[in-house]
Amino acid sequence: MPKRKKRATTKRRTTKRASTTRKRKSNDTIELSISPETTAEILAILFVLLGTVSLLSLLGLFGSFGESIYDILRNMFGWTSFVIALIFLVFGYIMFYPEKYKVTPFTYLGFFMVVFLVPSVVHLFIKLEDSYIVALDGAGGGMVGYNIASVLERSISFGGSLIILLALLLIAVLILFNTS
């Protein structure tokens, strides 16, 4: 058998093609930036809106959509739904006046603590054996109050739970308003 000649390998020349994509110049970019003051005012408006819609829904003045909001608020916060709606309004007011009330991440912490602690304190006064059914009915502190109050009452006692919740609520109000 005759030997085959090895094929000489030739290197293909690759030419660099001109790029068809255009690079954007830095001044062509769209920049969406909002000042911190504007962001705070937008958040304040949203909190006031949420508080107003909640209050109108609880009063039956927000139509069929308000009925759904009413059901959600009553299931979550029970009898304290009105207080929660007012807390949203107050927090929105605080955010509108940053020169009077300094809003920091701790202010948000205080706000959420108040929202969770108020229903818990109210639900603590419901008998432990009835507290779940009462929460399901949208009474007491709702499901939020039930979940926090029942855990505390089962592990400590009514008196100890009340002292802890009231102390935490006082701390939350101090943090919220940034006062002493």
Protein backbone atom coordinates (compact mmCIF):
# COMPACT_ATOMS: atom_id res chain seq x y z
CA MET A 1 0.00 0.00 0.00
CA PRO A 2 1.28 3.27 -0.96
CA LYS A 3 1.70 5.78 1.77
CA ARG A 4 -0.62 8.69 1.76
CA LYS A 5 0.81 12.07 1.64
CA LYS A 6 0.08 14.19 4.60
CA ARG A 7 -1.91 17.15 3.77
CA ALA A 8 -0.22 20.35 4.51
CA THR A 9 -2.23 22.32 6.97
CA THR A 10 -2.77 25.83 6.01
CA LYS A 11 -3.72 28.41 8.46
CA ARG A 12 -6.75 30.31 7.52
CA ARG A 13 -6.53 33.93 7.77
CA THR A 14 -9.20 35.39 9.89
CA THR A 15 -9.94 38.95 9.42
CA LYS A 16 -11.44 40.97 12.16
CA ARG A 17 -14.71 42.37 11.08
CA ALA A 18 -15.72 45.75 12.07
CA SER A 19 -18.09 45.58 14.95
CA THR A 20 -21.68 46.13 13.93
CA THR A 21 -22.82 47.12 17.39
CA ARG A 22 -22.39 50.66 18.34
CA LYS A 23 -21.07 51.58 21.68
CA ARG A 24 -23.17 54.08 23.50
CA LYS A 25 -21.56 57.19 24.55
CA SER A 26 -21.76 57.93 28.23
CA ASN A 27 -23.93 60.96 27.61
CA ASP A 28 -26.56 58.87 25.79
CA THR A 29 -27.59 56.97 28.91
CA ILE A 30 -30.84 57.66 30.64
CA GLU A 31 -30.42 58.36 34.27
CA LEU A 32 -33.35 58.02 36.63
CA SER A 33 -32.48 59.52 39.93
CA ILE A 34 -34.76 60.89 42.56
CA SER A 35 -33.55 63.04 45.38
CA PRO A 36 -33.87 61.63 48.91
CA GLU A 37 -36.30 64.40 49.81
CA THR A 38 -38.58 63.49 46.92
CA THR A 39 -38.37 59.80 47.83
CA ALA A 40 -39.36 60.61 51.41
CA GLU A 41 -42.32 62.69 50.22
CA ILE A 42 -43.47 59.90 47.89
CA LEU A 43 -43.32 57.43 50.78
CA ALA A 44 -45.21 59.88 52.98
CA ILE A 45 -47.94 60.20 50.38
CA LEU A 46 -48.15 56.40 50.08
CA PHE A 47 -48.48 55.99 53.85
CA VAL A 48 -51.17 58.67 54.03
CA LEU A 49 -52.95 57.05 51.08
CA LEU A 50 -52.78 53.63 52.72
CA GLY A 51 -54.08 55.03 55.99
CA THR A 52 -56.89 56.94 54.28
CA VAL A 53 -57.97 53.98 52.14
CA SER A 54 -57.87 51.73 55.20
CA LEU A 55 -59.93 54.16 57.26
CA LEU A 56 -62.51 54.67 54.51
CA SER A 57 -62.73 50.90 53.99
CA LEU A 58 -63.28 50.30 57.69
CA LEU A 59 -66.03 52.91 57.68
CA GLY A 60 -67.68 51.31 54.64
CA LEU A 61 -67.07 54.33 52.41
CA PHE A 62 -64.76 52.79 49.79
CA GLY A 63 -67.10 50.60 47.74
CA SER A 64 -66.72 46.92 46.93
CA PHE A 65 -62.92 47.13 46.84
CA GLY A 66 -63.11 48.63 50.31
CA GLU A 67 -65.04 45.59 51.52
CA SER A 68 -62.11 43.37 50.54
CA ILE A 69 -59.69 45.69 52.31
CA TYR A 70 -61.98 45.68 55.35
CA ASP A 71 -61.92 41.86 55.46
CA ILE A 72 -58.14 41.75 55.17
CA LEU A 73 -57.61 44.38 57.86
CA ARG A 74 -60.07 42.79 60.27
CA ASN A 75 -58.53 39.33 59.81
CA MET A 76 -55.03 40.67 60.30
CA PHE A 77 -55.57 43.26 63.05
CA GLY A 78 -59.03 42.60 64.49
CA TRP A 79 -60.50 45.41 66.57
CA THR A 80 -57.28 47.38 66.26
CA SER A 81 -57.75 47.90 62.50
CA PHE A 82 -58.88 51.49 63.11
CA VAL A 83 -55.83 52.16 65.24
CA ILE A 84 -53.56 50.67 62.56
CA ALA A 85 -55.13 52.92 59.91
CA LEU A 86 -54.50 55.93 62.16
CA ILE A 87 -50.91 54.78 62.74
CA PHE A 88 -50.36 54.77 58.96
CA LEU A 89 -51.72 58.34 58.79
CA VAL A 90 -49.51 59.47 61.68
CA PHE A 91 -46.44 57.87 60.12
CA GLY A 92 -47.20 59.59 56.82
CA TYR A 93 -47.48 62.90 58.70
CA ILE A 94 -44.12 62.28 60.39
CA MET A 95 -42.49 61.67 57.03
CA PHE A 96 -43.86 64.96 55.64
CA TYR A 97 -41.95 66.93 58.28
CA PRO A 98 -38.36 65.64 58.30
CA GLU A 99 -37.12 68.88 59.86
CA LYS A 100 -39.34 68.26 62.90
CA TYR A 101 -39.12 64.45 63.04
CA LYS A 102 -35.87 62.91 61.93
CA VAL A 103 -36.78 59.82 59.88
CA THR A 104 -34.14 57.09 60.03
CA PRO A 105 -34.26 53.32 59.53
CA PHE A 106 -35.00 53.12 63.25
CA THR A 107 -38.14 55.18 62.65
CA TYR A 108 -39.35 52.45 60.31
CA LEU A 109 -38.48 49.87 62.96
CA GLY A 110 -40.55 51.79 65.51
CA PHE A 111 -43.45 51.99 63.06
CA PHE A 112 -43.50 48.25 62.40
CA MET A 113 -43.11 47.49 66.09
CA VAL A 114 -46.17 49.62 66.89
CA VAL A 115 -48.16 47.95 64.09
CA PHE A 116 -47.41 44.50 65.52
CA LEU A 117 -47.49 45.30 69.24
CA VAL A 118 -50.81 47.17 69.49
CA PRO A 119 -52.87 44.16 68.30
CA SER A 120 -50.81 41.89 70.54
CA VAL A 121 -51.58 43.92 73.66
CA VAL A 122 -55.30 43.94 72.81
CA HIS A 123 -55.39 40.21 72.04
CA LEU A 124 -53.65 39.42 75.31
CA PHE A 125 -56.93 40.21 77.11
CA ILE A 126 -58.76 37.41 75.25
CA LYS A 127 -58.88 34.06 77.05
CA LEU A 128 -56.13 31.84 75.70
CA GLU A 129 -58.47 28.94 74.91
CA ASP A 130 -60.79 31.23 72.90
CA SER A 131 -58.14 33.42 71.32
CA TYR A 132 -57.79 31.53 68.02
CA ILE A 133 -61.54 31.51 67.30
CA VAL A 134 -61.77 35.19 68.23
CA ALA A 135 -58.88 36.00 65.88
CA LEU A 136 -60.52 34.05 63.04
CA ASP A 137 -63.68 36.11 63.55
CA GLY A 138 -61.68 39.31 63.02
CA ALA A 139 -61.96 40.35 66.64
CA GLY A 140 -59.41 41.00 69.37
CA GLY A 141 -56.04 41.70 67.84
CA GLY A 142 -56.70 39.58 64.75
CA MET A 143 -54.24 36.99 63.58
CA VAL A 144 -51.27 39.28 64.20
CA GLY A 145 -52.28 39.79 67.81
CA TYR A 146 -53.12 36.12 68.27
CA ASN A 147 -49.76 34.87 66.98
CA ILE A 148 -47.68 37.14 69.19
CA ALA A 149 -49.85 37.18 72.33
CA SER A 150 -50.50 33.45 72.43
CA VAL A 151 -46.81 32.57 72.13
CA LEU A 152 -45.94 34.96 74.95
CA GLU A 153 -48.82 33.92 77.18
CA ARG A 154 -48.09 30.22 76.75
CA SER A 155 -44.40 30.64 77.51
CA ILE A 156 -44.56 33.25 80.26
CA SER A 157 -47.87 34.27 81.81
CA PHE A 158 -50.50 36.94 81.31
CA GLY A 159 -48.82 39.41 83.68
CA GLY A 160 -45.32 38.85 82.33
CA SER A 161 -46.58 39.08 78.73
CA LEU A 162 -48.41 42.31 79.46
CA ILE A 163 -45.34 43.90 81.04
CA ILE A 164 -43.11 42.83 78.13
CA LEU A 165 -45.56 43.98 75.44
CA LEU A 166 -46.21 47.35 77.12
CA ALA A 167 -42.49 47.96 77.59
CA LEU A 168 -41.82 47.09 73.94
CA LEU A 169 -44.72 49.30 72.85
CA LEU A 170 -43.31 52.22 74.84
CA ILE A 171 -39.88 51.63 73.26
CA ALA A 172 -41.50 51.49 69.81
CA VAL A 173 -43.30 54.80 70.32
CA LEU A 174 -40.07 56.44 71.52
CA ILE A 175 -38.23 55.10 68.47
CA LEU A 176 -41.07 56.15 66.14
CA PHE A 177 -41.15 59.74 67.32
CA ASN A 178 -37.40 59.82 68.08
CA THR A 179 -38.04 61.38 71.46
CA SER A 180 -37.18 60.55 75.03
